Amino acid sequence: MNPGESLLFKLSSPEDLRKLGPADLVKVSAELRQFIIDEVSNNPGHFGASLGAVELTVALHYVFNNPYD
């Protein structure tokens, strides 16, 4: 993943995530999933639950004003 082209590496807070459109949220989820796969391939571990929670986590941070809600 090239950090210069990645939306994921441009995000520094949930506020940045809330500025994105729906199509960009799909891209961020895909980039996050690939990041998890890359990390687990270098550092053994279980990642099934992490992959299943990607969209849920992105959606929660998008909808709710973390940590205030």
PDB file of N, CA and C in Angstrom:
ATOM      1  N   MET A   1       0.845  -1.169   0.000  1.00  0.00           N
ATOM      2  CA  MET A   1       0.000   0.000   0.000  1.00  0.00           C
ATOM      3  C   MET A   1       0.890   1.231   0.000  1.00  0.00           C
ATOM      4  N   ASN A   2       0.674   2.106  -0.942  1.00  0.00           N
ATOM      5  CA  ASN A   2       1.459   3.320  -1.064  1.00  0.00           C
ATOM      6  C   ASN A   2       0.839   4.420  -0.206  1.00  0.00           C
ATOM      7  N   PRO A   3       1.548   4.868   0.842  1.00  0.00           N
ATOM      8  CA  PRO A   3       0.976   5.884   1.734  1.00  0.00           C
ATOM      9  C   PRO A   3       0.587   7.171   1.018  1.00  0.00           C
ATOM     10  N   GLY A   4       1.239   7.522  -0.091  1.00  0.00           N
ATOM     11  CA  GLY A   4       0.916   8.737  -0.817  1.00  0.00           C
ATOM     12  C   GLY A   4      -0.447   8.690  -1.481  1.00  0.00           C
ATOM     13  N   GLU A   5      -0.904   7.505  -1.861  1.00  0.00           N
ATOM     14  CA  GLU A   5      -2.181   7.347  -2.550  1.00  0.00           C
ATOM     15  C   GLU A   5      -3.283   6.861  -1.615  1.00  0.00           C
ATOM     16  N   SER A   6      -2.940   6.503  -0.418  1.00  0.00           N
ATOM     17  CA  SER A   6      -3.869   5.890   0.515  1.00  0.00           C
ATOM     18  C   SER A   6      -4.704   6.917   1.265  1.00  0.00           C
ATOM     19  N   LEU A   7      -5.999   6.679   1.315  1.00  0.00           N
ATOM     20  CA  LEU A   7      -6.864   7.507   2.163  1.00  0.00           C
ATOM     21  C   LEU A   7      -6.631   7.187   3.632  1.00  0.00           C
ATOM     22  N   LEU A   8      -6.349   5.930   3.919  1.00  0.00           N
ATOM     23  CA  LEU A   8      -6.184   5.484   5.301  1.00  0.00           C
ATOM     24  C   LEU A   8      -5.085   6.260   6.009  1.00  0.00           C
ATOM     25  N   PHE A   9      -3.975   6.485   5.337  1.00  0.00           N
ATOM     26  CA  PHE A   9      -2.853   7.160   5.973  1.00  0.00           C
ATOM     27  C   PHE A   9      -3.044   8.679   6.054  1.00  0.00           C
ATOM     28  N   LYS A  10      -4.090   9.199   5.407  1.00  0.00           N
ATOM     29  CA  LYS A  10      -4.403  10.621   5.500  1.00  0.00           C
ATOM     30  C   LYS A  10      -5.334  10.926   6.670  1.00  0.00           C
ATOM     31  N   LEU A  11      -5.879   9.883   7.285  1.00  0.00           N
ATOM     32  CA  LEU A  11      -6.797  10.059   8.404  1.00  0.00           C
ATOM     33  C   LEU A  11      -6.014  10.100   9.712  1.00  0.00           C
ATOM     34  N   SER A  12      -6.294  11.117  10.511  1.00  0.00           N
ATOM     35  CA  SER A  12      -5.630  11.169  11.818  1.00  0.00           C
ATOM     36  C   SER A  12      -6.634  11.192  12.969  1.00  0.00           C
ATOM     37  N   SER A  13      -7.930  11.311  12.634  1.00  0.00           N
ATOM     38  CA  SER A  13      -8.957  11.322  13.674  1.00  0.00           C
ATOM     39  C   SER A  13     -10.294  10.929  13.065  1.00  0.00           C
ATOM     40  N   PRO A  14     -11.276  10.582  13.899  1.00  0.00           N
ATOM     41  CA  PRO A  14     -12.615  10.300  13.376  1.00  0.00           C
ATOM     42  C   PRO A  14     -13.224  11.495  12.637  1.00  0.00           C
ATOM     43  N   GLU A  15     -12.829  12.703  12.997  1.00  0.00           N
ATOM     44  CA  GLU A  15     -13.325  13.890  12.292  1.00  0.00           C
ATOM     45  C   GLU A  15     -12.931  13.850  10.820  1.00  0.00           C
ATOM     46  N   ASP A  16     -11.713  13.401  10.540  1.00  0.00           N
ATOM     47  CA  ASP A  16     -11.261  13.282   9.153  1.00  0.00           C
ATOM     48  C   ASP A  16     -12.103  12.255   8.405  1.00  0.00           C
ATOM     49  N   LEU A  17     -12.472  11.196   9.075  1.00  0.00           N
ATOM     50  CA  LEU A  17     -13.293  10.146   8.467  1.00  0.00           C
ATOM     51  C   LEU A  17     -14.677  10.680   8.107  1.00  0.00           C
ATOM     52  N   ARG A  18     -15.234  11.509   8.961  1.00  0.00           N
ATOM     53  CA  ARG A  18     -16.580  12.051   8.730  1.00  0.00           C
ATOM     54  C   ARG A  18     -16.627  13.027   7.560  1.00  0.00           C
ATOM     55  N   LYS A  19     -15.508  13.510   7.097  1.00  0.00           N
ATOM     56  CA  LYS A  19     -15.450  14.422   5.948  1.00  0.00           C
ATOM     57  C   LYS A  19     -15.515  13.671   4.620  1.00  0.00           C
ATOM     58  N   LEU A  20     -15.373  12.339   4.661  1.00  0.00           N
ATOM     59  CA  LEU A  20     -15.353  11.540   3.442  1.00  0.00           C
ATOM     60  C   LEU A  20     -16.756  11.198   2.979  1.00  0.00           C
ATOM     61  N   GLY A  21     -16.890  10.942   1.683  1.00  0.00           N
ATOM     62  CA  GLY A  21     -18.157  10.505   1.115  1.00  0.00           C
ATOM     63  C   GLY A  21     -18.301   8.994   1.214  1.00  0.00           C
ATOM     64  N   PRO A  22     -19.485   8.474   0.901  1.00  0.00           N
ATOM     65  CA  PRO A  22     -19.733   7.030   0.998  1.00  0.00           C
ATOM     66  C   PRO A  22     -18.773   6.174   0.170  1.00  0.00           C
ATOM     67  N   ALA A  23     -18.430   6.613  -1.031  1.00  0.00           N
ATOM     68  CA  ALA A  23     -17.506   5.836  -1.867  1.00  0.00           C
ATOM     69  C   ALA A  23     -16.115   5.769  -1.234  1.00  0.00           C
ATOM     70  N   ASP A  24     -15.710   6.860  -0.599  1.00  0.00           N
ATOM     71  CA  ASP A  24     -14.405   6.880   0.064  1.00  0.00           C
ATOM     72  C   ASP A  24     -14.393   5.991   1.303  1.00  0.00           C
ATOM     73  N   LEU A  25     -15.539   5.863   1.966  1.00  0.00           N
ATOM     74  CA  LEU A  25     -15.609   4.971   3.132  1.00  0.00           C
ATOM     75  C   LEU A  25     -15.376   3.522   2.714  1.00  0.00           C
ATOM     76  N   VAL A  26     -15.881   3.150   1.553  1.00  0.00           N
ATOM     77  CA  VAL A  26     -15.646   1.801   1.032  1.00  0.00           C
ATOM     78  C   VAL A  26     -14.156   1.606   0.764  1.00  0.00           C
ATOM     79  N   LYS A  27     -13.517   2.626   0.199  1.00  0.00           N
ATOM     80  CA  LYS A  27     -12.078   2.543  -0.088  1.00  0.00           C
ATOM     81  C   LYS A  27     -11.264   2.456   1.210  1.00  0.00           C
ATOM     82  N   VAL A  28     -11.631   3.253   2.200  1.00  0.00           N
ATOM     83  CA  VAL A  28     -10.925   3.210   3.490  1.00  0.00           C
ATOM     84  C   VAL A  28     -11.069   1.827   4.127  1.00  0.00           C
ATOM     85  N   SER A  29     -12.254   1.247   4.043  1.00  0.00           N
ATOM     86  CA  SER A  29     -12.477  -0.094   4.603  1.00  0.00           C
ATOM     87  C   SER A  29     -11.602  -1.124   3.901  1.00  0.00           C
ATOM     88  N   ALA A  30     -11.514  -1.032   2.585  1.00  0.00           N
ATOM     89  CA  ALA A  30     -10.676  -1.966   1.827  1.00  0.00           C
ATOM     90  C   ALA A  30      -9.196  -1.789   2.183  1.00  0.00           C
ATOM     91  N   GLU A  31      -8.772  -0.541   2.320  1.00  0.00           N
ATOM     92  CA  GLU A  31      -7.377  -0.270   2.691  1.00  0.00           C
ATOM     93  C   GLU A  31      -7.088  -0.771   4.102  1.00  0.00           C
ATOM     94  N   LEU A  32      -8.018  -0.585   5.011  1.00  0.00           N
ATOM     95  CA  LEU A  32      -7.845  -1.056   6.384  1.00  0.00           C
ATOM     96  C   LEU A  32      -7.768  -2.572   6.436  1.00  0.00           C
ATOM     97  N   ARG A  33      -8.626  -3.234   5.661  1.00  0.00           N
ATOM     98  CA  ARG A  33      -8.603  -4.693   5.600  1.00  0.00           C
ATOM     99  C   ARG A  33      -7.246  -5.176   5.056  1.00  0.00           C
ATOM    100  N   GLN A  34      -6.747  -4.516   4.003  1.00  0.00           N
ATOM    101  CA  GLN A  34      -5.453  -4.906   3.436  1.00  0.00           C
ATOM    102  C   GLN A  34      -4.327  -4.654   4.429  1.00  0.00           C
ATOM    103  N   PHE A  35      -4.410  -3.566   5.182  1.00  0.00           N
ATOM    104  CA  PHE A  35      -3.410  -3.268   6.207  1.00  0.00           C
ATOM    105  C   PHE A  35      -3.369  -4.376   7.258  1.00  0.00           C
ATOM    106  N   ILE A  36      -4.532  -4.828   7.692  1.00  0.00           N
ATOM    107  CA  ILE A  36      -4.601  -5.919   8.680  1.00  0.00           C
ATOM    108  C   ILE A  36      -3.975  -7.186   8.110  1.00  0.00           C
ATOM    109  N   ILE A  37      -4.300  -7.517   6.870  1.00  0.00           N
ATOM    110  CA  ILE A  37      -3.739  -8.717   6.235  1.00  0.00           C
ATOM    111  C   ILE A  37      -2.224  -8.600   6.139  1.00  0.00           C
ATOM    112  N   ASP A  38      -1.720  -7.439   5.742  1.00  0.00           N
ATOM    113  CA  ASP A  38      -0.270  -7.241   5.635  1.00  0.00           C
ATOM    114  C   ASP A  38       0.413  -7.394   6.994  1.00  0.00           C
ATOM    115  N   GLU A  39      -0.175  -6.837   8.030  1.00  0.00           N
ATOM    116  CA  GLU A  39       0.414  -6.931   9.366  1.00  0.00           C
ATOM    117  C   GLU A  39       0.414  -8.373   9.881  1.00  0.00           C
ATOM    118  N   VAL A  40      -0.683  -9.078   9.683  1.00  0.00           N
ATOM    119  CA  VAL A  40      -0.769 -10.447  10.181  1.00  0.00           C
ATOM    120  C   VAL A  40       0.154 -11.374   9.388  1.00  0.00           C
ATOM    121  N   SER A  41       0.406 -11.050   8.126  1.00  0.00           N
ATOM    122  CA  SER A  41       1.328 -11.887   7.351  1.00  0.00           C
ATOM    123  C   SER A  41       2.765 -11.748   7.855  1.00  0.00           C
ATOM    124  N   ASN A  42       3.088 -10.613   8.488  1.00  0.00           N
ATOM    125  CA  ASN A  42       4.421 -10.404   9.049  1.00  0.00           C
ATOM    126  C   ASN A  42       4.504 -10.763  10.530  1.00  0.00           C
ATOM    127  N   ASN A  43       3.378 -10.687  11.223  1.00  0.00           N
ATOM    128  CA  ASN A  43       3.311 -10.977  12.648  1.00  0.00           C
ATOM    129  C   ASN A  43       2.173 -11.963  12.864  1.00  0.00           C
ATOM    130  N   PRO A  44       2.494 -13.238  13.005  1.00  0.00           N
ATOM    131  CA  PRO A  44       1.441 -14.262  13.073  1.00  0.00           C
ATOM    132  C   PRO A  44       0.391 -13.972  14.140  1.00  0.00           C
ATOM    133  N   GLY A  45      -0.827 -14.312  13.796  1.00  0.00           N
ATOM    134  CA  GLY A  45      -1.931 -14.135  14.720  1.00  0.00           C
ATOM    135  C   GLY A  45      -3.240 -14.432  14.035  1.00  0.00           C
ATOM    136  N   HIS A  46      -4.311 -14.282  14.756  1.00  0.00           N
ATOM    137  CA  HIS A  46      -5.648 -14.511  14.213  1.00  0.00           C
ATOM    138  C   HIS A  46      -6.205 -13.180  13.719  1.00  0.00           C
ATOM    139  N   PHE A  47      -6.826 -13.208  12.562  1.00  0.00           N
ATOM    140  CA  PHE A  47      -7.317 -11.957  12.026  1.00  0.00           C
ATOM    141  C   PHE A  47      -8.745 -12.026  11.487  1.00  0.00           C
ATOM    142  N   GLY A  48      -9.407 -13.141  11.613  1.00  0.00           N
ATOM    143  CA  GLY A  48     -10.772 -13.283  11.115  1.00  0.00           C
ATOM    144  C   GLY A  48     -11.728 -12.292  11.738  1.00  0.00           C
ATOM    145  N   ALA A  49     -11.668 -12.143  13.046  1.00  0.00           N
ATOM    146  CA  ALA A  49     -12.559 -11.209  13.739  1.00  0.00           C
ATOM    147  C   ALA A  49     -12.252  -9.770  13.340  1.00  0.00           C
ATOM    148  N   SER A  50     -10.995  -9.460  13.149  1.00  0.00           N
ATOM    149  CA  SER A  50     -10.618  -8.101  12.746  1.00  0.00           C
ATOM    150  C   SER A  50     -11.183  -7.767  11.376  1.00  0.00           C
ATOM    151  N   LEU A  51     -11.100  -8.696  10.448  1.00  0.00           N
ATOM    152  CA  LEU A  51     -11.623  -8.450   9.103  1.00  0.00           C
ATOM    153  C   LEU A  51     -13.137  -8.299   9.122  1.00  0.00           C
ATOM    154  N   GLY A  52     -13.793  -9.032   9.993  1.00  0.00           N
ATOM    155  CA  GLY A  52     -15.241  -8.953  10.083  1.00  0.00           C
ATOM    156  C   GLY A  52     -15.740  -7.664  10.712  1.00  0.00           C
ATOM    157  N   ALA A  53     -14.887  -6.984  11.433  1.00  0.00           N
ATOM    158  CA  ALA A  53     -15.298  -5.774  12.141  1.00  0.00           C
ATOM    159  C   ALA A  53     -14.886  -4.482  11.446  1.00  0.00           C
ATOM    160  N   VAL A  54     -14.248  -4.574  10.297  1.00  0.00           N
ATOM    161  CA  VAL A  54     -13.745  -3.376   9.618  1.00  0.00           C
ATOM    162  C   VAL A  54     -14.876  -2.404   9.280  1.00  0.00           C
ATOM    163  N   GLU A  55     -15.877  -2.854   8.532  1.00  0.00           N
ATOM    164  CA  GLU A  55     -16.964  -1.960   8.130  1.00  0.00           C
ATOM    165  C   GLU A  55     -17.743  -1.435   9.335  1.00  0.00           C
ATOM    166  N   LEU A  56     -17.939  -2.291  10.314  1.00  0.00           N
ATOM    167  CA  LEU A  56     -18.647  -1.879  11.525  1.00  0.00           C
ATOM    168  C   LEU A  56     -17.892  -0.758  12.235  1.00  0.00           C
ATOM    169  N   THR A  57     -16.602  -0.902  12.376  1.00  0.00           N
ATOM    170  CA  THR A  57     -15.783   0.096  13.057  1.00  0.00           C
ATOM    171  C   THR A  57     -15.770   1.419  12.291  1.00  0.00           C
ATOM    172  N   VAL A  58     -15.602   1.347  10.974  1.00  0.00           N
ATOM    173  CA  VAL A  58     -15.619   2.561  10.154  1.00  0.00           C
ATOM    174  C   VAL A  58     -16.973   3.251  10.273  1.00  0.00           C
ATOM    175  N   ALA A  59     -18.049   2.488  10.203  1.00  0.00           N
ATOM    176  CA  ALA A  59     -19.397   3.063  10.295  1.00  0.00           C
ATOM    177  C   ALA A  59     -19.636   3.711  11.651  1.00  0.00           C
ATOM    178  N   LEU A  60     -19.216   3.064  12.718  1.00  0.00           N
ATOM    179  CA  LEU A  60     -19.413   3.636  14.056  1.00  0.00           C
ATOM    180  C   LEU A  60     -18.663   4.953  14.220  1.00  0.00           C
ATOM    181  N   HIS A  61     -17.428   4.992  13.721  1.00  0.00           N
ATOM    182  CA  HIS A  61     -16.651   6.228  13.821  1.00  0.00           C
ATOM    183  C   HIS A  61     -17.209   7.311  12.905  1.00  0.00           C
ATOM    184  N   TYR A  62     -17.857   6.920  11.827  1.00  0.00           N
ATOM    185  CA  TYR A  62     -18.449   7.880  10.890  1.00  0.00           C
ATOM    186  C   TYR A  62     -19.730   8.491  11.459  1.00  0.00           C
ATOM    187  N   VAL A  63     -20.548   7.661  12.085  1.00  0.00           N
ATOM    188  CA  VAL A  63     -21.861   8.104  12.553  1.00  0.00           C
ATOM    189  C   VAL A  63     -21.794   8.804  13.906  1.00  0.00           C
ATOM    190  N   PHE A  64     -21.013   8.262  14.819  1.00  0.00           N
ATOM    191  CA  PHE A  64     -20.971   8.812  16.172  1.00  0.00           C
ATOM    192  C   PHE A  64     -19.799   9.767  16.352  1.00  0.00           C
ATOM    193  N   ASN A  65     -20.004  10.760  17.204  1.00  0.00           N
ATOM    194  CA  ASN A  65     -18.960  11.734  17.508  1.00  0.00           C
ATOM    195  C   ASN A  65     -18.132  11.202  18.666  1.00  0.00           C
ATOM    196  N   ASN A  66     -17.187  10.386  18.344  1.00  0.00           N
ATOM    197  CA  ASN A  66     -16.320   9.753  19.313  1.00  0.00           C
ATOM    198  C   ASN A  66     -15.391  10.791  19.942  1.00  0.00           C
ATOM    199  N   PRO A  67     -15.174  10.833  21.193  1.00  0.00           N
ATOM    200  CA  PRO A  67     -15.634  10.001  22.298  1.00  0.00           C
ATOM    201  C   PRO A  67     -16.845  10.578  23.032  1.00  0.00           C
ATOM    202  N   TYR A  68     -17.536  11.527  22.444  1.00  0.00           N
ATOM    203  CA  TYR A  68     -18.604  12.228  23.149  1.00  0.00           C
ATOM    204  C   TYR A  68     -19.941  11.507  23.124  1.00  0.00           C
ATOM    205  N   ASP A  69     -20.216  10.744  22.087  1.00  0.00           N
ATOM    206  CA  ASP A  69     -21.491  10.013  22.004  1.00  0.00           C
ATOM    207  C   ASP A  69     -21.422   8.712  22.777  1.00  0.00           C
TER     208      ASP A  69
END
